[in-house]
Amino acid sequence: MPLKRGKSQKIISSNIKELMKKPSKARAKGVSTLAKKQGITKKEAQRRQAVAIALGSAGKTLKRKKRKSK
């Protein structure tokens, strides 16, 4: 399961699809731990982990929305 190299959106998307197919044993354990800690489903935890890995390999970060201060 080697990931493709590159920073384009097309490469990142294909890497996410590749990571979503079937996690390795080590990643499966990490996914279940993440799901328990954050109180989310395993599928959602797997998706978040795949996005983080794909963006990390591309050298990018996830852009988050700013919270409105009161």
C-alpha atoms as a PDB file:
ATOM      1  CA  MET A   1       0.000   0.000   0.000  1.00  0.00           C
ATOM      2  CA  PRO A   2       2.587   2.623  -0.944  1.00  0.00           C
ATOM      3  CA  LEU A   3       1.140   6.103  -1.212  1.00  0.00           C
ATOM      4  CA  LYS A   4       1.631   8.225  -4.286  1.00  0.00           C
ATOM      5  CA  ARG A   5       3.914  11.236  -4.036  1.00  0.00           C
ATOM      6  CA  GLY A   6       2.664  14.709  -4.784  1.00  0.00           C
ATOM      7  CA  LYS A   7       0.764  17.690  -3.460  1.00  0.00           C
ATOM      8  CA  SER A   8      -2.125  17.935  -5.929  1.00  0.00           C
ATOM      9  CA  GLN A   9      -5.715  17.380  -4.864  1.00  0.00           C
ATOM     10  CA  LYS A  10      -5.983  14.402  -7.234  1.00  0.00           C
ATOM     11  CA  ILE A  11      -3.012  12.629  -5.597  1.00  0.00           C
ATOM     12  CA  ILE A  12      -4.280  13.363  -2.072  1.00  0.00           C
ATOM     13  CA  SER A  13      -7.740  12.019  -2.959  1.00  0.00           C
ATOM     14  CA  SER A  14      -6.320   8.819  -4.415  1.00  0.00           C
ATOM     15  CA  ASN A  15      -4.182   8.321  -1.301  1.00  0.00           C
ATOM     16  CA  ILE A  16      -7.235   8.748   0.930  1.00  0.00           C
ATOM     17  CA  LYS A  17      -9.142   6.175  -1.133  1.00  0.00           C
ATOM     18  CA  GLU A  18      -6.203   3.770  -0.854  1.00  0.00           C
ATOM     19  CA  LEU A  19      -6.014   4.234   2.924  1.00  0.00           C
ATOM     20  CA  MET A  20      -9.782   3.719   3.325  1.00  0.00           C
ATOM     21  CA  LYS A  21      -9.761   0.286   1.646  1.00  0.00           C
ATOM     22  CA  LYS A  22      -8.439  -1.920   4.429  1.00  0.00           C
ATOM     23  CA  PRO A  23      -6.349  -0.740   7.382  1.00  0.00           C
ATOM     24  CA  SER A  24      -3.355  -2.760   8.518  1.00  0.00           C
ATOM     25  CA  LYS A  25      -3.439  -4.381  11.973  1.00  0.00           C
ATOM     26  CA  ALA A  26      -1.550  -1.492  13.562  1.00  0.00           C
ATOM     27  CA  ARG A  27      -3.798   1.121  11.926  1.00  0.00           C
ATOM     28  CA  ALA A  28      -6.928  -0.848  12.846  1.00  0.00           C
ATOM     29  CA  LYS A  29      -5.929  -0.713  16.502  1.00  0.00           C
ATOM     30  CA  GLY A  30      -5.250   3.009  16.219  1.00  0.00           C
ATOM     31  CA  VAL A  31      -8.618   3.559  14.567  1.00  0.00           C
ATOM     32  CA  SER A  32     -10.492   1.790  17.353  1.00  0.00           C
ATOM     33  CA  THR A  33      -8.561   3.728  20.016  1.00  0.00           C
ATOM     34  CA  LEU A  34      -9.282   7.029  18.255  1.00  0.00           C
ATOM     35  CA  ALA A  35     -12.967   6.140  17.962  1.00  0.00           C
ATOM     36  CA  LYS A  36     -13.229   5.376  21.672  1.00  0.00           C
ATOM     37  CA  LYS A  37     -11.388   8.532  22.752  1.00  0.00           C
ATOM     38  CA  GLN A  38     -13.363  10.891  20.531  1.00  0.00           C
ATOM     39  CA  GLY A  39     -16.694   9.084  20.825  1.00  0.00           C
ATOM     40  CA  ILE A  40     -17.133   8.591  17.083  1.00  0.00           C
ATOM     41  CA  THR A  41     -17.752   5.574  14.873  1.00  0.00           C
ATOM     42  CA  LYS A  42     -14.847   3.450  13.655  1.00  0.00           C
ATOM     43  CA  LYS A  43     -15.615   4.403  10.053  1.00  0.00           C
ATOM     44  CA  GLU A  44     -15.390   8.121  10.882  1.00  0.00           C
ATOM     45  CA  ALA A  45     -12.170   7.559  12.837  1.00  0.00           C
ATOM     46  CA  GLN A  46     -10.713   5.636   9.884  1.00  0.00           C
ATOM     47  CA  ARG A  47     -11.662   8.509   7.553  1.00  0.00           C
ATOM     48  CA  ARG A  48     -10.074  11.136   9.803  1.00  0.00           C
ATOM     49  CA  GLN A  49      -6.901   9.085  10.135  1.00  0.00           C
ATOM     50  CA  ALA A  50      -6.708   8.519   6.363  1.00  0.00           C
ATOM     51  CA  VAL A  51      -7.074  12.247   5.686  1.00  0.00           C
ATOM     52  CA  ALA A  52      -4.373  13.072   8.232  1.00  0.00           C
ATOM     53  CA  ILE A  53      -1.946  10.534   6.758  1.00  0.00           C
ATOM     54  CA  ALA A  54      -2.600  11.631   3.163  1.00  0.00           C
ATOM     55  CA  LEU A  55      -2.198  15.321   3.965  1.00  0.00           C
ATOM     56  CA  GLY A  56       0.888  14.632   6.054  1.00  0.00           C
ATOM     57  CA  SER A  57       2.565  12.740   3.228  1.00  0.00           C
ATOM     58  CA  ALA A  58       1.774  15.667   0.902  1.00  0.00           C
ATOM     59  CA  GLY A  59       3.235  18.156   3.366  1.00  0.00           C
ATOM     60  CA  LYS A  60      -0.060  19.968   3.885  1.00  0.00           C
ATOM     61  CA  THR A  61      -2.267  20.654   6.888  1.00  0.00           C
ATOM     62  CA  LEU A  62      -6.022  20.458   7.345  1.00  0.00           C
ATOM     63  CA  LYS A  63      -7.592  23.914   7.153  1.00  0.00           C
ATOM     64  CA  ARG A  64     -10.104  24.404   9.922  1.00  0.00           C
ATOM     65  CA  LYS A  65     -12.773  27.031  10.267  1.00  0.00           C
ATOM     66  CA  LYS A  66     -12.171  29.711  12.863  1.00  0.00           C
ATOM     67  CA  ARG A  67     -14.534  29.798  15.799  1.00  0.00           C
ATOM     68  CA  LYS A  68     -16.486  32.945  16.459  1.00  0.00           C
ATOM     69  CA  SER A  69     -15.523  34.550  19.732  1.00  0.00           C
ATOM     70  CA  LYS A  70     -18.295  35.828  21.956  1.00  0.00           C
END
